[in-house]
Structure formats: C-alpha cells, structure tokens
Amino acid sequence: RPFLLWLALGATHAPHHVTSDWTDPYRGQFDEGWDTWRRATLDRQIALGIVPPGTELPSPSEHVADWDSLDSDQRRLYARMMEVYAGFLTHADAQIGRLLAALEELGERDNTIVVLVSDNGASGEAGPHGSVSESRFAQGRDEDFDLNLQMIDELGGRRTYNHYPWGWAEAGNTPVRRFKRYTFEGGVRDPLIISWPAGLDGAGTIRHQYCHAIDVLPTLLDLAGVEAPMKIGGVEQMSFDGVTLRPMLAAADAPDPRTSQYYECWGSRAMYEDGWKVVTNHVNQLTHAERDLIDGSSDFNEDHWHLFEARSDMAENRDLSTDYPEIRDR
C-alpha cells in the first residue's frame, strides 16, 4: 500500500512570518500593483492550460481601489506587504521541496500519494489597507493605515502578525471573484494537486471536472485499497457524502463526479447544480470596512440571489437571475 502525504495550505491568511533573505528577492516585483499583476496571472494561467482561452477577469470591485489611484505611501506599503507574502509562500514551497526530496532519498517518493489542497480562497480579512495584526480583525476593529505604514520595516518579523490588503486577495484568486468567507468562486474554488507516480498516469495533466473537498477522503481510501471502518473504538461512524475521484484521475474525459453542492459561510450562501450556480450578495458583518465598502445586502430578507452559468462564466460576471427565474428558484 502507498504512503500518504497530506499538504493542507490555509487560505494564505496571516501571519506571513518570514526572514528578509526570503523577502528581499521580491523587492520591487509588485510595484506595478494588483491590477497589472492580476492580468499577467490570467495570461499565465491561459498559457499553461489551467483555464481556457477567453477566460475573463471579474468586473472591477468597487471596494478595491485602482492601483494607479493610490498615493505613493499606499503603493509602497501595499507592495511591501505582497513582497513579504511572496517570500513567505516561497519559504513554504521550499519546505515542501525538502520533504519530497527526503522521500526521494528514502526511495519512497514513487509510492507516496501526495495531496496538496487549500481550505478556501485567498484571505481578505485585512481589509483595504492590510494589517500588522490580524487580531484587530478578530476583534471587529478597523485597520489603521498610519500604524501599518509606521511598521513597514517590521513586516514579517516578531513584532507583527501581518497580512496583505484585500486587493491582493482578489488578485491571488485570479480569475474568480471575491475572497475567503464569501461563497462566490473566490471563496470556494481551490487548488487540488494529487500525485502518485507509481499508481496514477498522466503526470502534469489537468482535470476540469467539478468535485468537492468531501470527495478527497473517499478518493484516498480507494487509491490505497482501504475499506473505511464501520466502527472506531466501538463508536459507529458516519457515512461519507463524498465519492471517489479515481475515474476522473484516470481519464480526462470522465464525467463530473459530483453534480450538486451547497455552500455557506457567515451568511454568504450558494448552491451549485449541474453547471448552474446561485449565490447571495450577503455581506460579512464583522468589520466596518466590509459593511461600508462592499456592495451587497446586510439583511437576509433583502439578499439578492445571483444566477451564473458556472462552466462558461468562471468570473461570475453575468447575472442571469432575471433571465432564468425558474432555474434560480428551483
């Protein structure tokens, strides 16, 4: 039976702690801002085949300022926050590389199933200005731009618990909309990489079928040839809602393993069904920044249900709710 290596990356939220030798190589690399970086990211995704040609970026968000409209201090601070994040992520990637290299040296890499997955989309908890302490967000306190700027040289160090602004969160979710804590695609669409050289063909290929996190465990049990126990310690176990992804991993043209899924996070709700998706415009209520700046509803009775054709409109740009009310309401 294969070994299993599970690599779960939290939604790139705070803290982005890393030493300067990891961040210094990124000096100046984000000075052109999140608008330019997001466009370049989409171009790379299309070139790599991750998304199809013609994929759009989401319509601009009113709560995210155009980079060119920012003053010099704002651009300097926000770019530095992204440099620190890039160094942090590069450091994490290097540690994953060390682990895989150790498996190679042990002669176990080919027979190890490696799964890399994120739990949700990029994190927008730090609001429009970023943060030097994510505890402010947890306490419902607005972020302080002047404080952030004063501590710009402390970012990544022991005196901060820093996080980037939500402009970078939306750019990090290219090409989908919004970020963590919302059930637009930017909150729920995540990377999933499964590697098992000895047991799976098609290394480096991409699958576009619809699946969900609940399908991962049944898949691993199937690949490992393990039956899930009915009881553990005398306690009867719940059944799985997920299904194995093995047919999809084996064949790029396999049908979608899942055709429907419900999502909910802090009042934001969505339902996917066979290529269609409905999602509310409910706004998270934790901070003034979101309540005041993000367009949408603060009252469940007033929530609007968008309808998107998910397969052709990944960016969720075209609300078809009034065109197909019978699909929206079913």
C-alpha atoms as a PDB file:
ATOM      1  CA  ARG A   1       0.000   0.000   0.000  1.00  0.00           C
ATOM      2  CA  PRO A   2       1.174   3.558  -0.705  1.00  0.00           C
ATOM      3  CA  PHE A   3       2.275   6.100   1.830  1.00  0.00           C
ATOM      4  CA  LEU A   4       0.145   9.241   2.142  1.00  0.00           C
ATOM      5  CA  LEU A   5       1.453  12.814   2.383  1.00  0.00           C
ATOM      6  CA  TRP A   6      -1.219  15.449   3.016  1.00  0.00           C
ATOM      7  CA  LEU A   7      -0.256  19.110   2.488  1.00  0.00           C
ATOM      8  CA  ALA A   8      -3.059  21.483   3.506  1.00  0.00           C
ATOM      9  CA  LEU A   9      -2.391  25.163   2.901  1.00  0.00           C
ATOM     10  CA  GLY A  10      -4.593  27.550   4.887  1.00  0.00           C
ATOM     11  CA  ALA A  11      -6.032  30.366   2.838  1.00  0.00           C
ATOM     12  CA  THR A  12      -2.787  32.378   2.767  1.00  0.00           C
ATOM     13  CA  HIS A  13      -4.060  34.387   5.739  1.00  0.00           C
ATOM     14  CA  ALA A  14      -1.913  35.917   8.476  1.00  0.00           C
ATOM     15  CA  PRO A  15       0.692  35.621   9.742  1.00  0.00           C
ATOM     16  CA  HIS A  16       3.136  35.988   6.876  1.00  0.00           C
ATOM     17  CA  HIS A  17       6.240  35.461   9.002  1.00  0.00           C
ATOM     18  CA  VAL A  18       9.498  35.051   7.135  1.00  0.00           C
ATOM     19  CA  THR A  19      13.053  36.365   7.309  1.00  0.00           C
ATOM     20  CA  SER A  20      14.426  39.044   4.990  1.00  0.00           C
ATOM     21  CA  ASP A  21      16.543  36.622   2.963  1.00  0.00           C
ATOM     22  CA  TRP A  22      13.281  35.197   1.616  1.00  0.00           C
ATOM     23  CA  THR A  23      11.571  38.544   1.008  1.00  0.00           C
ATOM     24  CA  ASP A  24      14.496  40.548  -0.395  1.00  0.00           C
ATOM     25  CA  PRO A  25      14.439  38.772  -3.803  1.00  0.00           C
ATOM     26  CA  TYR A  26      10.922  40.154  -4.308  1.00  0.00           C
ATOM     27  CA  ARG A  27      11.841  43.808  -3.764  1.00  0.00           C
ATOM     28  CA  GLY A  28      10.138  45.855  -6.482  1.00  0.00           C
ATOM     29  CA  GLN A  29       8.386  42.919  -8.119  1.00  0.00           C
ATOM     30  CA  PHE A  30       4.899  44.096  -7.136  1.00  0.00           C
ATOM     31  CA  ASP A  31       5.365  47.822  -7.667  1.00  0.00           C
ATOM     32  CA  GLU A  32       3.074  47.790 -10.711  1.00  0.00           C
ATOM     33  CA  GLY A  33       0.202  46.782  -8.440  1.00  0.00           C
ATOM     34  CA  TRP A  34      -2.590  44.278  -8.208  1.00  0.00           C
ATOM     35  CA  ASP A  35      -4.377  45.280 -11.446  1.00  0.00           C
ATOM     36  CA  THR A  36      -1.350  44.592 -13.647  1.00  0.00           C
ATOM     37  CA  TRP A  37      -0.352  41.505 -11.646  1.00  0.00           C
ATOM     38  CA  ARG A  38      -3.833  40.020 -11.944  1.00  0.00           C
ATOM     39  CA  ARG A  39      -3.893  40.448 -15.723  1.00  0.00           C
ATOM     40  CA  ALA A  40      -0.447  38.862 -16.042  1.00  0.00           C
ATOM     41  CA  THR A  41      -1.527  35.970 -13.813  1.00  0.00           C
ATOM     42  CA  LEU A  42      -4.537  35.235 -16.013  1.00  0.00           C
ATOM     43  CA  ASP A  43      -2.339  35.301 -19.114  1.00  0.00           C
ATOM     44  CA  ARG A  44      -0.034  32.689 -17.495  1.00  0.00           C
ATOM     45  CA  GLN A  45      -2.996  30.538 -16.482  1.00  0.00           C
ATOM     46  CA  ILE A  46      -4.296  30.521 -20.052  1.00  0.00           C
ATOM     47  CA  ALA A  47      -0.835  29.723 -21.446  1.00  0.00           C
ATOM     48  CA  LEU A  48      -0.474  26.797 -19.005  1.00  0.00           C
ATOM     49  CA  GLY A  49      -3.923  25.418 -19.805  1.00  0.00           C
ATOM     50  CA  ILE A  50      -5.208  25.909 -16.256  1.00  0.00           C
ATOM     51  CA  VAL A  51      -8.140  27.924 -17.645  1.00  0.00           C
ATOM     52  CA  PRO A  52      -9.379  28.000 -21.253  1.00  0.00           C
ATOM     53  CA  PRO A  53      -8.638  30.784 -23.755  1.00  0.00           C
ATOM     54  CA  GLY A  54     -11.187  33.562 -23.483  1.00  0.00           C
ATOM     55  CA  THR A  55     -11.457  33.312 -19.687  1.00  0.00           C
ATOM     56  CA  GLU A  56     -12.327  36.737 -18.282  1.00  0.00           C
ATOM     57  CA  LEU A  57     -11.316  38.602 -15.177  1.00  0.00           C
ATOM     58  CA  PRO A  58     -14.145  39.546 -12.814  1.00  0.00           C
ATOM     59  CA  SER A  59     -15.609  43.001 -13.242  1.00  0.00           C
ATOM     60  CA  PRO A  60     -13.708  45.528 -11.079  1.00  0.00           C
ATOM     61  CA  SER A  61     -14.740  45.576  -7.414  1.00  0.00           C
ATOM     62  CA  GLU A  62     -15.801  48.960  -6.059  1.00  0.00           C
ATOM     63  CA  HIS A  63     -14.232  48.112  -2.690  1.00  0.00           C
ATOM     64  CA  VAL A  64     -10.775  47.672  -4.283  1.00  0.00           C
ATOM     65  CA  ALA A  65      -9.119  50.884  -5.460  1.00  0.00           C
ATOM     66  CA  ASP A  66      -7.454  51.093  -8.852  1.00  0.00           C
ATOM     67  CA  TRP A  67      -3.737  50.834  -8.164  1.00  0.00           C
ATOM     68  CA  ASP A  68      -2.991  53.988 -10.150  1.00  0.00           C
ATOM     69  CA  SER A  69      -5.376  55.976  -7.941  1.00  0.00           C
ATOM     70  CA  LEU A  70      -3.355  55.240  -4.789  1.00  0.00           C
ATOM     71  CA  ASP A  71      -0.825  57.705  -3.375  1.00  0.00           C
ATOM     72  CA  SER A  72       2.858  56.848  -3.129  1.00  0.00           C
ATOM     73  CA  ASP A  73       2.739  55.750   0.542  1.00  0.00           C
ATOM     74  CA  GLN A  74      -0.195  53.434  -0.132  1.00  0.00           C
ATOM     75  CA  ARG A  75       1.536  51.838  -3.109  1.00  0.00           C
ATOM     76  CA  ARG A  76       4.790  51.437  -1.145  1.00  0.00           C
ATOM     77  CA  LEU A  77       3.059  49.791   1.826  1.00  0.00           C
ATOM     78  CA  TYR A  78       0.762  47.513  -0.154  1.00  0.00           C
ATOM     79  CA  ALA A  79       3.562  46.376  -2.479  1.00  0.00           C
ATOM     80  CA  ARG A  80       5.782  45.584   0.517  1.00  0.00           C
ATOM     81  CA  MET A  81       3.005  43.519   2.110  1.00  0.00           C
ATOM     82  CA  MET A  82       2.818  41.427  -1.059  1.00  0.00           C
ATOM     83  CA  GLU A  83       6.610  41.075  -1.185  1.00  0.00           C
ATOM     84  CA  VAL A  84       6.537  39.653   2.337  1.00  0.00           C
ATOM     85  CA  TYR A  85       3.727  37.273   1.409  1.00  0.00           C
ATOM     86  CA  ALA A  86       5.631  36.112  -1.671  1.00  0.00           C
ATOM     87  CA  GLY A  87       8.687  35.406   0.472  1.00  0.00           C
ATOM     88  CA  PHE A  88       6.531  33.558   2.990  1.00  0.00           C
ATOM     89  CA  LEU A  89       4.981  31.389   0.271  1.00  0.00           C
ATOM     90  CA  THR A  90       8.368  30.722  -1.310  1.00  0.00           C
ATOM     91  CA  HIS A  91       9.658  29.586   2.089  1.00  0.00           C
ATOM     92  CA  ALA A  92       6.683  27.218   2.469  1.00  0.00           C
ATOM     93  CA  ASP A  93       7.304  25.852  -1.019  1.00  0.00           C
ATOM     94  CA  ALA A  94      10.963  25.234  -0.180  1.00  0.00           C
ATOM     95  CA  GLN A  95       9.989  23.206   2.894  1.00  0.00           C
ATOM     96  CA  ILE A  96       7.611  21.084   0.818  1.00  0.00           C
ATOM     97  CA  GLY A  97      10.505  20.566  -1.577  1.00  0.00           C
ATOM     98  CA  ARG A  98      12.726  19.362   1.283  1.00  0.00           C
ATOM     99  CA  LEU A  99      10.080  16.844   2.310  1.00  0.00           C
ATOM    100  CA  LEU A 100       9.701  15.494  -1.227  1.00  0.00           C
ATOM    101  CA  ALA A 101      13.490  15.307  -1.581  1.00  0.00           C
ATOM    102  CA  ALA A 102      13.669  13.258   1.623  1.00  0.00           C
ATOM    103  CA  LEU A 103      11.110  10.824   0.202  1.00  0.00           C
ATOM    104  CA  GLU A 104      13.255  10.535  -2.950  1.00  0.00           C
ATOM    105  CA  GLU A 105      16.333   9.755  -0.853  1.00  0.00           C
ATOM    106  CA  LEU A 106      14.385   7.080   1.038  1.00  0.00           C
ATOM    107  CA  GLY A 107      13.231   5.551  -2.244  1.00  0.00           C
ATOM    108  CA  GLU A 108       9.583   6.114  -1.274  1.00  0.00           C
ATOM    109  CA  ARG A 109       8.539   9.033  -3.465  1.00  0.00           C
ATOM    110  CA  ASP A 110       7.051   6.938  -6.286  1.00  0.00           C
ATOM    111  CA  ASN A 111       4.830   5.024  -3.897  1.00  0.00           C
ATOM    112  CA  THR A 112       3.681   8.068  -1.888  1.00  0.00           C
ATOM    113  CA  ILE A 113       0.356   9.740  -2.633  1.00  0.00           C
ATOM    114  CA  VAL A 114       0.914  13.489  -2.263  1.00  0.00           C
ATOM    115  CA  VAL A 115      -2.162  15.702  -1.916  1.00  0.00           C
ATOM    116  CA  LEU A 116      -1.888  19.483  -1.853  1.00  0.00           C
ATOM    117  CA  VAL A 117      -5.085  21.412  -1.218  1.00  0.00           C
ATOM    118  CA  SER A 118      -6.225  24.759   0.177  1.00  0.00           C
ATOM    119  CA  ASP A 119      -9.174  25.049   2.539  1.00  0.00           C
ATOM    120  CA  ASN A 120     -10.684  28.119   0.839  1.00  0.00           C
ATOM    121  CA  GLY A 121      -9.801  31.061  -1.355  1.00  0.00           C
ATOM    122  CA  ALA A 122      -7.241  33.774  -0.659  1.00  0.00           C
ATOM    123  CA  SER A 123      -7.923  35.723   2.518  1.00  0.00           C
ATOM    124  CA  GLY A 124      -9.388  39.236   2.618  1.00  0.00           C
ATOM    125  CA  GLU A 125      -9.512  39.559   6.403  1.00  0.00           C
ATOM    126  CA  ALA A 126      -7.135  42.548   6.477  1.00  0.00           C
ATOM    127  CA  GLY A 127      -9.489  44.841   4.568  1.00  0.00           C
ATOM    128  CA  PRO A 128      -8.465  47.617   2.174  1.00  0.00           C
ATOM    129  CA  HIS A 129      -5.211  48.597   3.940  1.00  0.00           C
ATOM    130  CA  GLY A 130      -3.738  45.292   5.129  1.00  0.00           C
ATOM    131  CA  SER A 131      -2.829  44.720   8.748  1.00  0.00           C
ATOM    132  CA  VAL A 132       0.068  44.446  11.151  1.00  0.00           C
ATOM    133  CA  SER A 133      -2.098  42.349  13.499  1.00  0.00           C
ATOM    134  CA  GLU A 134      -4.900  40.082  12.352  1.00  0.00           C
ATOM    135  CA  SER A 135      -6.199  40.174  15.937  1.00  0.00           C
ATOM    136  CA  ARG A 136      -7.734  43.543  15.028  1.00  0.00           C
ATOM    137  CA  PHE A 137      -9.994  41.829  12.508  1.00  0.00           C
ATOM    138  CA  ALA A 138     -10.993  39.143  15.003  1.00  0.00           C
ATOM    139  CA  GLN A 139     -11.992  41.920  17.437  1.00  0.00           C
ATOM    140  CA  GLY A 140     -14.038  43.784  14.825  1.00  0.00           C
ATOM    141  CA  ARG A 141     -11.562  46.703  14.774  1.00  0.00           C
ATOM    142  CA  ASP A 142     -10.838  48.623  11.601  1.00  0.00           C
ATOM    143  CA  GLU A 143      -7.313  48.518  10.241  1.00  0.00           C
ATOM    144  CA  ASP A 144      -5.080  51.572  10.719  1.00  0.00           C
ATOM    145  CA  PHE A 145      -3.179  52.686   7.631  1.00  0.00           C
ATOM    146  CA  ASP A 146      -0.885  55.053   9.551  1.00  0.00           C
ATOM    147  CA  LEU A 147       0.062  52.304  12.014  1.00  0.00           C
ATOM    148  CA  ASN A 148       0.736  49.912   9.137  1.00  0.00           C
ATOM    149  CA  LEU A 149       2.991  52.444   7.433  1.00  0.00           C
ATOM    150  CA  GLN A 150       4.927  53.114  10.636  1.00  0.00           C
ATOM    151  CA  MET A 151       5.682  49.379  10.908  1.00  0.00           C
ATOM    152  CA  ILE A 152       6.509  48.720   7.262  1.00  0.00           C
ATOM    153  CA  ASP A 153      10.048  47.609   8.119  1.00  0.00           C
ATOM    154  CA  GLU A 154       8.727  45.189  10.768  1.00  0.00           C
ATOM    155  CA  LEU A 155       6.539  43.217   8.350  1.00  0.00           C
ATOM    156  CA  GLY A 156       7.303  39.509   8.538  1.00  0.00           C
ATOM    157  CA  GLY A 157       9.041  39.834  11.888  1.00  0.00           C
ATOM    158  CA  ARG A 158       8.249  39.044  15.501  1.00  0.00           C
ATOM    159  CA  ARG A 159       6.565  42.394  16.219  1.00  0.00           C
ATOM    160  CA  THR A 160       3.836  41.893  13.591  1.00  0.00           C
ATOM    161  CA  TYR A 161       1.131  39.419  12.631  1.00  0.00           C
ATOM    162  CA  ASN A 162       0.858  40.917   9.194  1.00  0.00           C
ATOM    163  CA  HIS A 163      -1.482  40.335   6.297  1.00  0.00           C
ATOM    164  CA  TYR A 164      -1.917  41.937   2.869  1.00  0.00           C
ATOM    165  CA  PRO A 165      -4.887  44.123   1.690  1.00  0.00           C
ATOM    166  CA  TRP A 166      -7.904  42.590   0.013  1.00  0.00           C
ATOM    167  CA  GLY A 167      -6.767  43.955  -3.360  1.00  0.00           C
ATOM    168  CA  TRP A 168      -4.033  41.311  -3.309  1.00  0.00           C
ATOM    169  CA  ALA A 169      -6.509  38.685  -2.082  1.00  0.00           C
ATOM    170  CA  GLU A 170      -8.689  39.240  -5.140  1.00  0.00           C
ATOM    171  CA  ALA A 171      -5.623  39.196  -7.388  1.00  0.00           C
ATOM    172  CA  GLY A 172      -4.487  35.969  -5.704  1.00  0.00           C
ATOM    173  CA  ASN A 173      -7.821  34.391  -6.622  1.00  0.00           C
ATOM    174  CA  THR A 174      -7.426  35.114 -10.328  1.00  0.00           C
ATOM    175  CA  PRO A 175      -9.597  34.569 -12.328  1.00  0.00           C
ATOM    176  CA  VAL A 176     -12.508  34.259  -9.877  1.00  0.00           C
ATOM    177  CA  ARG A 177     -14.484  36.719  -7.755  1.00  0.00           C
ATOM    178  CA  ARG A 178     -14.105  37.892  -4.142  1.00  0.00           C
ATOM    179  CA  PHE A 179     -12.218  36.023  -1.392  1.00  0.00           C
ATOM    180  CA  LYS A 180     -12.446  33.812   1.693  1.00  0.00           C
ATOM    181  CA  ARG A 181     -15.672  33.990   3.757  1.00  0.00           C
ATOM    182  CA  TYR A 182     -17.799  34.518   0.644  1.00  0.00           C
ATOM    183  CA  THR A 183     -19.351  31.798  -1.492  1.00  0.00           C
ATOM    184  CA  PHE A 184     -18.544  33.492  -4.757  1.00  0.00           C
ATOM    185  CA  GLU A 185     -15.926  31.405  -6.539  1.00  0.00           C
ATOM    186  CA  GLY A 186     -13.063  33.326  -4.916  1.00  0.00           C
ATOM    187  CA  GLY A 187     -14.132  31.922  -1.566  1.00  0.00           C
ATOM    188  CA  VAL A 188     -14.773  28.310  -2.504  1.00  0.00           C
ATOM    189  CA  ARG A 189     -12.733  27.426  -5.593  1.00  0.00           C
ATOM    190  CA  ASP A 190      -9.382  25.967  -4.551  1.00  0.00           C
ATOM    191  CA  PRO A 191      -6.304  24.262  -5.966  1.00  0.00           C
ATOM    192  CA  LEU A 192      -6.087  20.472  -5.658  1.00  0.00           C
ATOM    193  CA  ILE A 193      -2.981  18.546  -6.710  1.00  0.00           C
ATOM    194  CA  ILE A 194      -2.774  14.755  -6.423  1.00  0.00           C
ATOM    195  CA  SER A 195       0.451  12.948  -7.266  1.00  0.00           C
ATOM    196  CA  TRP A 196       1.217   9.213  -7.102  1.00  0.00           C
ATOM    197  CA  PRO A 197       3.893   8.272  -9.674  1.00  0.00           C
ATOM    198  CA  ALA A 198       3.555   4.518  -9.122  1.00  0.00           C
ATOM    199  CA  GLY A 199      -0.214   4.452  -9.234  1.00  0.00           C
ATOM    200  CA  LEU A 200      -1.527   7.265 -11.446  1.00  0.00           C
ATOM    201  CA  ASP A 201      -0.765   8.015 -15.081  1.00  0.00           C
ATOM    202  CA  GLY A 202      -0.908  11.440 -16.677  1.00  0.00           C
ATOM    203  CA  ALA A 203       1.606  13.328 -14.561  1.00  0.00           C
ATOM    204  CA  GLY A 204       1.285  17.072 -15.089  1.00  0.00           C
ATOM    205  CA  THR A 205      -2.150  16.892 -16.707  1.00  0.00           C
ATOM    206  CA  ILE A 206      -5.132  18.998 -15.665  1.00  0.00           C
ATOM    207  CA  ARG A 207      -8.682  17.983 -14.854  1.00  0.00           C
ATOM    208  CA  HIS A 208     -11.618  20.370 -15.144  1.00  0.00           C
ATOM    209  CA  GLN A 209     -14.420  18.237 -13.701  1.00  0.00           C
ATOM    210  CA  TYR A 210     -16.458  19.544 -10.779  1.00  0.00           C
ATOM    211  CA  CYS A 211     -15.678  17.980  -7.408  1.00  0.00           C
ATOM    212  CA  HIS A 212     -15.594  18.968  -3.735  1.00  0.00           C
ATOM    213  CA  ALA A 213     -13.362  18.615  -0.673  1.00  0.00           C
ATOM    214  CA  ILE A 214     -15.633  15.870   0.690  1.00  0.00           C
ATOM    215  CA  ASP A 215     -14.534  13.706  -2.248  1.00  0.00           C
ATOM    216  CA  VAL A 216     -10.859  13.692  -1.224  1.00  0.00           C
ATOM    217  CA  LEU A 217     -11.044  11.161   1.631  1.00  0.00           C
ATOM    218  CA  PRO A 218     -13.071   8.574  -0.345  1.00  0.00           C
ATOM    219  CA  THR A 219     -10.536   9.004  -3.159  1.00  0.00           C
ATOM    220  CA  LEU A 220      -7.561   8.313  -0.894  1.00  0.00           C
ATOM    221  CA  LEU A 221      -9.227   5.253   0.612  1.00  0.00           C
ATOM    222  CA  ASP A 222      -9.934   3.970  -2.889  1.00  0.00           C
ATOM    223  CA  LEU A 223      -6.367   4.589  -4.111  1.00  0.00           C
ATOM    224  CA  ALA A 224      -4.904   2.935  -1.021  1.00  0.00           C
ATOM    225  CA  GLY A 225      -7.281  -0.034  -1.219  1.00  0.00           C
ATOM    226  CA  VAL A 226      -8.542   0.565   2.309  1.00  0.00           C
ATOM    227  CA  GLU A 227     -12.104  -0.010   3.497  1.00  0.00           C
ATOM    228  CA  ALA A 228     -13.341   2.653   5.901  1.00  0.00           C
ATOM    229  CA  PRO A 229     -14.106   1.103   9.305  1.00  0.00           C
ATOM    230  CA  MET A 230     -17.760   0.960  10.311  1.00  0.00           C
ATOM    231  CA  LYS A 231     -16.796   1.459  13.970  1.00  0.00           C
ATOM    232  CA  ILE A 232     -13.830   3.027  15.759  1.00  0.00           C
ATOM    233  CA  GLY A 233     -13.438   2.375  19.488  1.00  0.00           C
ATOM    234  CA  GLY A 234     -16.925   0.933  19.496  1.00  0.00           C
ATOM    235  CA  VAL A 235     -18.421   4.127  18.034  1.00  0.00           C
ATOM    236  CA  GLU A 236     -20.395   3.728  14.812  1.00  0.00           C
ATOM    237  CA  GLN A 237     -19.014   6.025  12.102  1.00  0.00           C
ATOM    238  CA  MET A 238     -20.993   8.372   9.894  1.00  0.00           C
ATOM    239  CA  SER A 239     -21.270   7.577   6.202  1.00  0.00           C
ATOM    240  CA  PHE A 240     -19.347   9.570   3.586  1.00  0.00           C
ATOM    241  CA  ASP A 241     -21.119  12.151   1.444  1.00  0.00           C
ATOM    242  CA  GLY A 242     -18.200  12.221  -0.997  1.00  0.00           C
ATOM    243  CA  VAL A 243     -17.317   9.915  -3.888  1.00  0.00           C
ATOM    244  CA  THR A 244     -14.005   8.675  -5.249  1.00  0.00           C
ATOM    245  CA  LEU A 245     -12.304  10.801  -7.894  1.00  0.00           C
ATOM    246  CA  ARG A 246     -10.391   7.845  -9.286  1.00  0.00           C
ATOM    247  CA  PRO A 247     -12.327   7.688 -12.602  1.00  0.00           C
ATOM    248  CA  MET A 248     -11.645  11.376 -13.151  1.00  0.00           C
ATOM    249  CA  LEU A 249      -7.951  10.946 -12.340  1.00  0.00           C
ATOM    250  CA  ALA A 250      -7.735   8.064 -14.786  1.00  0.00           C
ATOM    251  CA  ALA A 251      -9.495   9.768 -17.711  1.00  0.00           C
ATOM    252  CA  ALA A 252      -9.616  13.448 -18.649  1.00  0.00           C
ATOM    253  CA  ASP A 253     -12.990  12.940 -20.348  1.00  0.00           C
ATOM    254  CA  ALA A 254     -14.671  11.204 -17.406  1.00  0.00           C
ATOM    255  CA  PRO A 255     -17.995  12.732 -16.332  1.00  0.00           C
ATOM    256  CA  ASP A 256     -18.175  15.095 -13.380  1.00  0.00           C
ATOM    257  CA  PRO A 257     -18.054  13.014 -10.192  1.00  0.00           C
ATOM    258  CA  ARG A 258     -20.386  15.498  -8.491  1.00  0.00           C
ATOM    259  CA  THR A 259     -23.316  17.468  -9.919  1.00  0.00           C
ATOM    260  CA  SER A 260     -24.571  19.448  -6.913  1.00  0.00           C
ATOM    261  CA  GLN A 261     -23.144  21.104  -3.806  1.00  0.00           C
ATOM    262  CA  TYR A 262     -24.341  23.612  -1.185  1.00  0.00           C
ATOM    263  CA  TYR A 263     -22.017  26.254   0.340  1.00  0.00           C
ATOM    264  CA  GLU A 264     -22.420  28.551   3.342  1.00  0.00           C
ATOM    265  CA  CYS A 265     -20.024  30.835   5.206  1.00  0.00           C
ATOM    266  CA  TRP A 266     -21.061  33.580   7.653  1.00  0.00           C
ATOM    267  CA  GLY A 267     -24.304  34.349   5.854  1.00  0.00           C
ATOM    268  CA  SER A 268     -22.973  34.006   2.319  1.00  0.00           C
ATOM    269  CA  ARG A 269     -24.752  31.059   0.673  1.00  0.00           C
ATOM    270  CA  ALA A 270     -24.532  29.349  -2.696  1.00  0.00           C
ATOM    271  CA  MET A 271     -25.772  26.256  -4.484  1.00  0.00           C
ATOM    272  CA  TYR A 272     -24.161  24.593  -7.488  1.00  0.00           C
ATOM    273  CA  GLU A 273     -26.189  22.241  -9.660  1.00  0.00           C
ATOM    274  CA  ASP A 274     -25.116  20.755 -12.980  1.00  0.00           C
ATOM    275  CA  GLY A 275     -23.305  23.799 -14.314  1.00  0.00           C
ATOM    276  CA  TRP A 276     -25.533  26.448 -12.727  1.00  0.00           C
ATOM    277  CA  LYS A 277     -24.751  28.345  -9.550  1.00  0.00           C
ATOM    278  CA  VAL A 278     -26.888  30.596  -7.367  1.00  0.00           C
ATOM    279  CA  VAL A 279     -25.141  32.779  -4.782  1.00  0.00           C
ATOM    280  CA  THR A 280     -26.308  35.528  -2.455  1.00  0.00           C
ATOM    281  CA  ASN A 281     -24.913  39.041  -2.258  1.00  0.00           C
ATOM    282  CA  HIS A 282     -24.903  38.895   1.569  1.00  0.00           C
ATOM    283  CA  VAL A 283     -22.032  40.921   3.054  1.00  0.00           C
ATOM    284  CA  ASN A 284     -19.983  39.732   6.019  1.00  0.00           C
ATOM    285  CA  GLN A 285     -20.786  41.904   9.038  1.00  0.00           C
ATOM    286  CA  LEU A 286     -17.634  41.616  11.144  1.00  0.00           C
ATOM    287  CA  THR A 287     -15.904  44.911  10.274  1.00  0.00           C
ATOM    288  CA  HIS A 288     -16.934  48.423   9.240  1.00  0.00           C
ATOM    289  CA  ALA A 289     -14.795  48.120   6.116  1.00  0.00           C
ATOM    290  CA  GLU A 290     -16.912  45.308   4.747  1.00  0.00           C
ATOM    291  CA  ARG A 291     -20.239  46.686   5.929  1.00  0.00           C
ATOM    292  CA  ASP A 292     -19.500  50.095   4.450  1.00  0.00           C
ATOM    293  CA  LEU A 293     -17.460  49.341   1.346  1.00  0.00           C
ATOM    294  CA  ILE A 294     -18.577  46.002  -0.120  1.00  0.00           C
ATOM    295  CA  ASP A 295     -21.650  46.187  -2.315  1.00  0.00           C
ATOM    296  CA  GLY A 296     -24.434  43.822  -1.287  1.00  0.00           C
ATOM    297  CA  SER A 297     -27.046  43.054   1.342  1.00  0.00           C
ATOM    298  CA  SER A 298     -26.746  43.242   5.132  1.00  0.00           C
ATOM    299  CA  ASP A 299     -30.241  41.830   5.671  1.00  0.00           C
ATOM    300  CA  PHE A 300     -31.138  38.209   4.933  1.00  0.00           C
ATOM    301  CA  ASN A 301     -34.621  39.322   3.921  1.00  0.00           C
ATOM    302  CA  GLU A 302     -33.141  41.612   1.271  1.00  0.00           C
ATOM    303  CA  ASP A 303     -30.476  39.273  -0.135  1.00  0.00           C
ATOM    304  CA  HIS A 304     -30.323  39.044  -3.902  1.00  0.00           C
ATOM    305  CA  TRP A 305     -29.700  35.625  -5.446  1.00  0.00           C
ATOM    306  CA  HIS A 306     -27.390  35.819  -8.450  1.00  0.00           C
ATOM    307  CA  LEU A 307     -27.520  33.074 -11.071  1.00  0.00           C
ATOM    308  CA  PHE A 308     -24.406  32.211 -13.074  1.00  0.00           C
ATOM    309  CA  GLU A 309     -23.673  29.675 -15.785  1.00  0.00           C
ATOM    310  CA  ALA A 310     -20.635  28.338 -13.963  1.00  0.00           C
ATOM    311  CA  ARG A 311     -18.957  26.486 -16.826  1.00  0.00           C
ATOM    312  CA  SER A 312     -18.797  29.444 -19.214  1.00  0.00           C
ATOM    313  CA  ASP A 313     -18.678  32.308 -16.687  1.00  0.00           C
ATOM    314  CA  MET A 314     -15.995  31.380 -14.157  1.00  0.00           C
ATOM    315  CA  ALA A 315     -15.591  35.064 -13.202  1.00  0.00           C
ATOM    316  CA  GLU A 316     -19.300  35.334 -12.303  1.00  0.00           C
ATOM    317  CA  ASN A 317     -19.721  38.457 -14.431  1.00  0.00           C
ATOM    318  CA  ARG A 318     -23.159  37.788 -15.939  1.00  0.00           C
ATOM    319  CA  ASP A 319     -26.075  37.553 -13.527  1.00  0.00           C
ATOM    320  CA  LEU A 320     -28.807  35.568 -15.302  1.00  0.00           C
ATOM    321  CA  SER A 321     -31.253  35.515 -12.396  1.00  0.00           C
ATOM    322  CA  THR A 322     -33.905  37.586 -14.180  1.00  0.00           C
ATOM    323  CA  ASP A 323     -33.437  35.673 -17.446  1.00  0.00           C
ATOM    324  CA  TYR A 324     -33.963  32.240 -15.904  1.00  0.00           C
ATOM    325  CA  PRO A 325     -36.011  32.668 -12.728  1.00  0.00           C
ATOM    326  CA  GLU A 326     -37.204  29.075 -12.966  1.00  0.00           C
ATOM    327  CA  ILE A 327     -33.590  27.867 -12.602  1.00  0.00           C
ATOM    328  CA  ARG A 328     -32.783  30.418  -9.873  1.00  0.00           C
ATOM    329  CA  ASP A 329     -35.762  29.362  -7.751  1.00  0.00           C
ATOM    330  CA  ARG A 330     -35.806  25.614  -8.222  1.00  0.00           C
END
